[in-house]
Amino acid sequence: MQHTLTGGLFLALLASTGALAAEQHNHSQGMNHETMQQMDTTQVKAMPLTDGIVKKVDQKSGKITLQHGEIANVKMPAMTMSYRVKQAQWLESIRAGDKVRFAMDKLNDEFVVIYIEAAK
C-alpha cells in the first residue's frame, strides 16, 4: 500500500511540475551537466536518494549497473544490479566508476532509476 501511495504521489508531483530540467554537475565526476536530469527541489527533497557507484553503462539497452546501499522505498537490500533508467539519454554522460545518488521506483513491475545525479 505504501509503495502504491509513494508511486502515485511521485506521479502527481511530476505531473504538477512539468518536465525535467538539466542540472549542473561537477565535471571531475565525469558527468556532463547538459544531459543529466533534475526534478524541482521540492520533488528531490521528497524522494529517498541512494548512494551508488556505476559499474557499467549500457546505452543500447538503456540500463545502468549500480553497486548501491539499501533502497528503502522499494525494500531492496544493498547489492550490485542492472536497472533500466527512465530516460536513456541520461546514460550519455555517465561512466563506469562515477559516484552517483539516485532514486528508484517500481514501474510496470520493473525497478527503474527515476532520478540520478553526480555524488558531491
N, C-alpha and C. Protein backbone atom coordinates (compact mmCIF):
# COMPACT_ATOMS: atom_id res chain seq x y z
N MET A 1 0.82 -1.19 0.00
CA MET A 1 0.00 0.00 0.00
C MET A 1 0.86 1.25 0.00
N GLN A 2 1.93 1.25 0.85
CA GLN A 2 2.80 2.42 0.93
C GLN A 2 3.50 2.64 -0.41
N HIS A 3 3.93 1.57 -1.09
CA HIS A 3 4.59 1.70 -2.39
C HIS A 3 3.67 2.32 -3.42
N THR A 4 2.41 1.88 -3.44
CA THR A 4 1.43 2.44 -4.38
C THR A 4 1.21 3.91 -4.09
N LEU A 5 1.11 4.28 -2.81
CA LEU A 5 0.93 5.67 -2.44
C LEU A 5 2.15 6.49 -2.85
N THR A 6 3.36 5.98 -2.61
CA THR A 6 4.58 6.68 -2.98
C THR A 6 4.64 6.88 -4.49
N GLY A 7 4.36 5.84 -5.26
CA GLY A 7 4.38 5.95 -6.72
C GLY A 7 3.35 6.94 -7.21
N GLY A 8 2.15 6.89 -6.64
CA GLY A 8 1.09 7.81 -7.04
C GLY A 8 1.44 9.25 -6.69
N LEU A 9 2.02 9.45 -5.50
CA LEU A 9 2.44 10.78 -5.09
C LEU A 9 3.50 11.31 -6.01
N PHE A 10 4.48 10.48 -6.36
CA PHE A 10 5.54 10.89 -7.27
C PHE A 10 4.96 11.29 -8.63
N LEU A 11 4.06 10.49 -9.18
CA LEU A 11 3.47 10.80 -10.48
C LEU A 11 2.66 12.09 -10.41
N ALA A 12 1.96 12.31 -9.31
CA ALA A 12 1.19 13.55 -9.15
C ALA A 12 2.13 14.75 -9.09
N LEU A 13 3.23 14.62 -8.34
CA LEU A 13 4.20 15.71 -8.27
C LEU A 13 4.81 15.98 -9.64
N LEU A 14 5.15 14.93 -10.35
CA LEU A 14 5.76 15.07 -11.67
C LEU A 14 4.79 15.76 -12.63
N ALA A 15 3.54 15.35 -12.61
CA ALA A 15 2.54 15.94 -13.50
C ALA A 15 2.31 17.40 -13.16
N SER A 16 2.37 17.76 -11.89
CA SER A 16 2.08 19.13 -11.49
C SER A 16 3.23 20.09 -11.79
N THR A 17 4.42 19.57 -11.95
CA THR A 17 5.56 20.46 -12.16
C THR A 17 6.07 20.45 -13.59
N GLY A 18 5.61 19.54 -14.42
CA GLY A 18 6.04 19.54 -15.81
C GLY A 18 7.25 18.68 -16.03
N ALA A 19 8.03 19.04 -17.02
CA ALA A 19 9.15 18.23 -17.48
C ALA A 19 10.38 18.37 -16.59
N LEU A 20 11.34 17.50 -16.84
CA LEU A 20 12.61 17.53 -16.12
C LEU A 20 13.54 18.56 -16.75
N ALA A 21 14.44 19.13 -15.94
CA ALA A 21 15.38 20.13 -16.45
C ALA A 21 16.81 19.65 -16.22
N ALA A 22 17.75 20.22 -16.94
CA ALA A 22 19.16 19.85 -16.79
C ALA A 22 19.73 20.46 -15.52
N GLU A 23 20.68 19.77 -14.92
CA GLU A 23 21.34 20.27 -13.72
C GLU A 23 22.83 20.28 -13.93
N GLN A 24 23.50 21.28 -13.37
CA GLN A 24 24.94 21.32 -13.48
C GLN A 24 25.53 20.32 -12.51
N HIS A 25 26.62 19.67 -12.96
CA HIS A 25 27.31 18.69 -12.13
C HIS A 25 28.81 18.95 -12.20
N ASN A 26 29.49 18.42 -11.27
CA ASN A 26 30.94 18.57 -11.18
C ASN A 26 31.59 17.76 -12.30
N HIS A 27 32.33 18.45 -13.18
CA HIS A 27 32.96 17.75 -14.30
C HIS A 27 34.00 16.73 -13.83
N SER A 28 34.55 16.92 -12.64
CA SER A 28 35.53 15.95 -12.16
C SER A 28 34.89 14.59 -11.91
N GLN A 29 33.58 14.54 -11.80
CA GLN A 29 32.87 13.27 -11.65
C GLN A 29 32.63 12.62 -13.00
N GLY A 30 32.99 13.31 -14.10
CA GLY A 30 32.82 12.75 -15.43
C GLY A 30 31.40 12.88 -15.95
N MET A 31 30.60 13.78 -15.40
CA MET A 31 29.22 13.90 -15.82
C MET A 31 29.02 15.23 -16.54
N ASN A 32 28.33 15.18 -17.65
CA ASN A 32 28.02 16.35 -18.45
C ASN A 32 26.70 16.93 -17.96
N HIS A 33 26.73 18.19 -17.50
CA HIS A 33 25.53 18.76 -16.89
C HIS A 33 24.40 18.98 -17.88
N GLU A 34 24.66 19.04 -19.16
CA GLU A 34 23.59 19.24 -20.14
C GLU A 34 22.69 18.01 -20.28
N THR A 35 23.20 16.83 -20.00
CA THR A 35 22.41 15.63 -20.26
C THR A 35 21.84 14.98 -19.00
N MET A 36 22.17 15.50 -17.83
CA MET A 36 21.64 14.92 -16.61
C MET A 36 20.28 15.54 -16.31
N GLN A 37 19.39 14.79 -15.71
CA GLN A 37 18.05 15.27 -15.42
C GLN A 37 17.97 15.70 -13.97
N GLN A 38 17.08 16.67 -13.72
CA GLN A 38 16.80 17.09 -12.36
C GLN A 38 15.31 17.39 -12.22
N MET A 39 14.76 17.00 -11.11
CA MET A 39 13.40 17.38 -10.79
C MET A 39 13.49 18.65 -9.97
N ASP A 40 12.40 19.35 -9.79
CA ASP A 40 12.47 20.56 -9.00
C ASP A 40 12.85 20.21 -7.56
N THR A 41 13.34 21.20 -6.83
CA THR A 41 13.88 20.99 -5.49
C THR A 41 12.89 20.30 -4.56
N THR A 42 11.64 20.63 -4.64
CA THR A 42 10.63 20.02 -3.78
C THR A 42 10.54 18.52 -4.01
N GLN A 43 10.55 18.10 -5.26
CA GLN A 43 10.45 16.67 -5.57
C GLN A 43 11.68 15.93 -5.09
N VAL A 44 12.88 16.46 -5.34
CA VAL A 44 14.11 15.78 -4.94
C VAL A 44 14.15 15.61 -3.44
N LYS A 45 13.79 16.65 -2.69
CA LYS A 45 13.82 16.56 -1.23
C LYS A 45 12.81 15.54 -0.71
N ALA A 46 11.74 15.30 -1.45
CA ALA A 46 10.72 14.35 -1.01
C ALA A 46 11.08 12.91 -1.34
N MET A 47 12.09 12.71 -2.18
CA MET A 47 12.46 11.36 -2.62
C MET A 47 13.66 10.85 -1.85
N PRO A 48 13.66 9.56 -1.50
CA PRO A 48 14.85 8.99 -0.86
C PRO A 48 15.93 8.75 -1.92
N LEU A 49 17.10 9.36 -1.74
CA LEU A 49 18.21 9.14 -2.67
C LEU A 49 19.16 8.12 -2.08
N THR A 50 19.70 7.28 -2.92
CA THR A 50 20.62 6.22 -2.52
C THR A 50 21.97 6.48 -3.17
N ASP A 51 23.04 6.29 -2.41
CA ASP A 51 24.39 6.41 -2.96
C ASP A 51 24.73 5.15 -3.74
N GLY A 52 25.46 5.34 -4.84
CA GLY A 52 25.86 4.19 -5.64
C GLY A 52 27.13 4.47 -6.42
N ILE A 53 27.70 3.42 -6.94
CA ILE A 53 28.86 3.51 -7.82
C ILE A 53 28.48 2.83 -9.13
N VAL A 54 28.71 3.53 -10.23
CA VAL A 54 28.38 2.99 -11.55
C VAL A 54 29.41 1.92 -11.89
N LYS A 55 28.94 0.72 -12.18
CA LYS A 55 29.81 -0.38 -12.57
C LYS A 55 29.83 -0.57 -14.08
N LYS A 56 28.70 -0.28 -14.74
CA LYS A 56 28.60 -0.47 -16.19
C LYS A 56 27.47 0.39 -16.72
N VAL A 57 27.67 0.90 -17.94
CA VAL A 57 26.64 1.66 -18.64
C VAL A 57 26.37 0.97 -19.97
N ASP A 58 25.12 0.64 -20.22
CA ASP A 58 24.72 0.01 -21.49
C ASP A 58 23.71 0.92 -22.18
N GLN A 59 24.24 1.85 -22.98
CA GLN A 59 23.37 2.82 -23.63
C GLN A 59 22.38 2.17 -24.59
N LYS A 60 22.81 1.11 -25.25
CA LYS A 60 21.94 0.44 -26.23
C LYS A 60 20.66 -0.09 -25.57
N SER A 61 20.80 -0.67 -24.39
CA SER A 61 19.63 -1.23 -23.71
C SER A 61 18.96 -0.24 -22.76
N GLY A 62 19.61 0.92 -22.54
CA GLY A 62 19.05 1.90 -21.61
C GLY A 62 19.17 1.47 -20.16
N LYS A 63 20.25 0.73 -19.85
CA LYS A 63 20.42 0.21 -18.49
C LYS A 63 21.76 0.65 -17.89
N ILE A 64 21.77 0.67 -16.58
CA ILE A 64 22.96 1.01 -15.82
C ILE A 64 23.13 -0.03 -14.72
N THR A 65 24.36 -0.46 -14.50
CA THR A 65 24.65 -1.39 -13.41
C THR A 65 25.21 -0.57 -12.26
N LEU A 66 24.56 -0.67 -11.11
CA LEU A 66 24.93 0.10 -9.93
C LEU A 66 25.25 -0.80 -8.75
N GLN A 67 26.30 -0.46 -8.05
CA GLN A 67 26.58 -1.04 -6.74
C GLN A 67 26.00 -0.02 -5.75
N HIS A 68 25.08 -0.44 -4.90
CA HIS A 68 24.38 0.53 -4.08
C HIS A 68 24.05 -0.02 -2.70
N GLY A 69 23.70 0.90 -1.81
CA GLY A 69 23.23 0.54 -0.49
C GLY A 69 21.76 0.18 -0.55
N GLU A 70 21.16 -0.01 0.62
CA GLU A 70 19.74 -0.36 0.70
C GLU A 70 18.89 0.73 0.07
N ILE A 71 17.84 0.32 -0.65
CA ILE A 71 16.88 1.25 -1.23
C ILE A 71 15.56 1.01 -0.50
N ALA A 72 15.33 1.82 0.52
CA ALA A 72 14.22 1.58 1.45
C ALA A 72 12.84 1.65 0.79
N ASN A 73 12.62 2.61 -0.11
CA ASN A 73 11.27 2.79 -0.65
C ASN A 73 10.81 1.62 -1.52
N VAL A 74 11.74 0.81 -2.03
CA VAL A 74 11.35 -0.38 -2.80
C VAL A 74 11.76 -1.67 -2.08
N LYS A 75 12.17 -1.51 -0.81
CA LYS A 75 12.54 -2.64 0.05
C LYS A 75 13.58 -3.55 -0.61
N MET A 76 14.67 -2.92 -1.10
CA MET A 76 15.74 -3.66 -1.76
C MET A 76 17.02 -3.56 -0.92
N PRO A 77 17.65 -4.70 -0.62
CA PRO A 77 18.89 -4.65 0.15
C PRO A 77 20.05 -4.14 -0.71
N ALA A 78 21.15 -3.85 -0.07
CA ALA A 78 22.36 -3.44 -0.78
C ALA A 78 22.79 -4.55 -1.74
N MET A 79 23.20 -4.17 -2.95
CA MET A 79 23.61 -5.15 -3.96
C MET A 79 24.22 -4.45 -5.16
N THR A 80 24.65 -5.22 -6.12
CA THR A 80 25.05 -4.71 -7.43
C THR A 80 24.12 -5.34 -8.44
N MET A 81 23.45 -4.47 -9.24
CA MET A 81 22.45 -4.98 -10.18
C MET A 81 22.27 -3.98 -11.32
N SER A 82 21.77 -4.47 -12.43
CA SER A 82 21.49 -3.65 -13.60
C SER A 82 20.03 -3.18 -13.57
N TYR A 83 19.83 -1.89 -13.89
CA TYR A 83 18.49 -1.31 -13.87
C TYR A 83 18.26 -0.48 -15.13
N ARG A 84 17.01 -0.44 -15.57
CA ARG A 84 16.63 0.46 -16.65
C ARG A 84 16.57 1.87 -16.07
N VAL A 85 16.92 2.86 -16.89
CA VAL A 85 16.77 4.25 -16.49
C VAL A 85 15.57 4.84 -17.20
N LYS A 86 14.90 5.78 -16.56
CA LYS A 86 13.68 6.35 -17.11
C LYS A 86 13.93 7.04 -18.44
N GLN A 87 15.09 7.69 -18.59
CA GLN A 87 15.43 8.36 -19.85
C GLN A 87 16.83 7.93 -20.28
N ALA A 88 16.91 7.21 -21.38
CA ALA A 88 18.18 6.63 -21.84
C ALA A 88 19.26 7.69 -22.09
N GLN A 89 18.88 8.92 -22.44
CA GLN A 89 19.89 9.94 -22.72
C GLN A 89 20.70 10.31 -21.48
N TRP A 90 20.19 10.00 -20.28
CA TRP A 90 20.98 10.25 -19.08
C TRP A 90 22.29 9.48 -19.11
N LEU A 91 22.29 8.34 -19.78
CA LEU A 91 23.47 7.47 -19.80
C LEU A 91 24.60 8.02 -20.67
N GLU A 92 24.32 9.01 -21.48
CA GLU A 92 25.35 9.57 -22.36
C GLU A 92 26.48 10.22 -21.58
N SER A 93 26.23 10.68 -20.38
CA SER A 93 27.26 11.39 -19.62
C SER A 93 27.71 10.64 -18.36
N ILE A 94 27.29 9.41 -18.21
CA ILE A 94 27.66 8.62 -17.04
C ILE A 94 28.70 7.59 -17.46
N ARG A 95 29.71 7.41 -16.64
CA ARG A 95 30.79 6.45 -16.93
C ARG A 95 30.97 5.48 -15.77
N ALA A 96 31.45 4.30 -16.08
CA ALA A 96 31.80 3.33 -15.03
C ALA A 96 32.80 3.99 -14.08
N GLY A 97 32.58 3.80 -12.80
CA GLY A 97 33.42 4.40 -11.78
C GLY A 97 32.86 5.67 -11.18
N ASP A 98 31.88 6.30 -11.84
CA ASP A 98 31.26 7.52 -11.31
C ASP A 98 30.51 7.21 -10.02
N LYS A 99 30.58 8.12 -9.07
CA LYS A 99 29.77 8.03 -7.84
C LYS A 99 28.51 8.85 -8.09
N VAL A 100 27.37 8.25 -7.78
CA VAL A 100 26.08 8.88 -8.04
C VAL A 100 25.16 8.78 -6.84
N ARG A 101 24.11 9.58 -6.88
CA ARG A 101 22.97 9.46 -5.97
C ARG A 101 21.77 9.31 -6.88
N PHE A 102 20.88 8.39 -6.53
CA PHE A 102 19.76 8.10 -7.42
C PHE A 102 18.52 7.74 -6.63
N ALA A 103 17.39 7.83 -7.33
CA ALA A 103 16.12 7.40 -6.77
C ALA A 103 15.57 6.31 -7.68
N MET A 104 14.89 5.38 -7.08
CA MET A 104 14.34 4.25 -7.83
C MET A 104 12.89 4.05 -7.44
N ASP A 105 12.13 3.55 -8.39
CA ASP A 105 10.76 3.18 -8.11
C ASP A 105 10.44 1.96 -8.95
N LYS A 106 9.35 1.32 -8.65
CA LYS A 106 8.91 0.16 -9.41
C LYS A 106 7.83 0.64 -10.37
N LEU A 107 8.12 0.55 -11.67
CA LEU A 107 7.19 0.98 -12.71
C LEU A 107 6.91 -0.20 -13.61
N ASN A 108 5.65 -0.53 -13.79
CA ASN A 108 5.26 -1.67 -14.64
C ASN A 108 6.00 -2.94 -14.25
N ASP A 109 6.04 -3.23 -12.96
CA ASP A 109 6.69 -4.43 -12.41
C ASP A 109 8.18 -4.51 -12.68
N GLU A 110 8.83 -3.37 -12.87
CA GLU A 110 10.27 -3.33 -13.12
C GLU A 110 10.88 -2.21 -12.28
N PHE A 111 12.04 -2.47 -11.66
CA PHE A 111 12.74 -1.43 -10.92
C PHE A 111 13.40 -0.49 -11.92
N VAL A 112 13.15 0.81 -11.78
CA VAL A 112 13.63 1.81 -12.74
C VAL A 112 14.27 2.97 -11.98
N VAL A 113 15.44 3.41 -12.45
CA VAL A 113 16.07 4.60 -11.92
C VAL A 113 15.28 5.79 -12.46
N ILE A 114 14.66 6.55 -11.56
CA ILE A 114 13.81 7.66 -11.99
C ILE A 114 14.48 9.01 -11.78
N TYR A 115 15.65 9.03 -11.14
CA TYR A 115 16.42 10.25 -10.94
C TYR A 115 17.85 9.84 -10.69
N ILE A 116 18.81 10.59 -11.23
CA ILE A 116 20.22 10.30 -10.98
C ILE A 116 21.00 11.60 -11.05
N GLU A 117 22.00 11.74 -10.16
CA GLU A 117 22.85 12.91 -10.13
C GLU A 117 24.25 12.49 -9.71
N ALA A 118 25.23 13.31 -10.02
CA ALA A 118 26.59 13.06 -9.56
C ALA A 118 26.62 13.23 -8.05
N ALA A 119 27.34 12.35 -7.35
CA ALA A 119 27.51 12.49 -5.91
C ALA A 119 28.50 13.61 -5.65
N LYS A 120 28.24 14.37 -4.63
CA LYS A 120 29.12 15.50 -4.30
C LYS A 120 30.12 15.14 -3.25
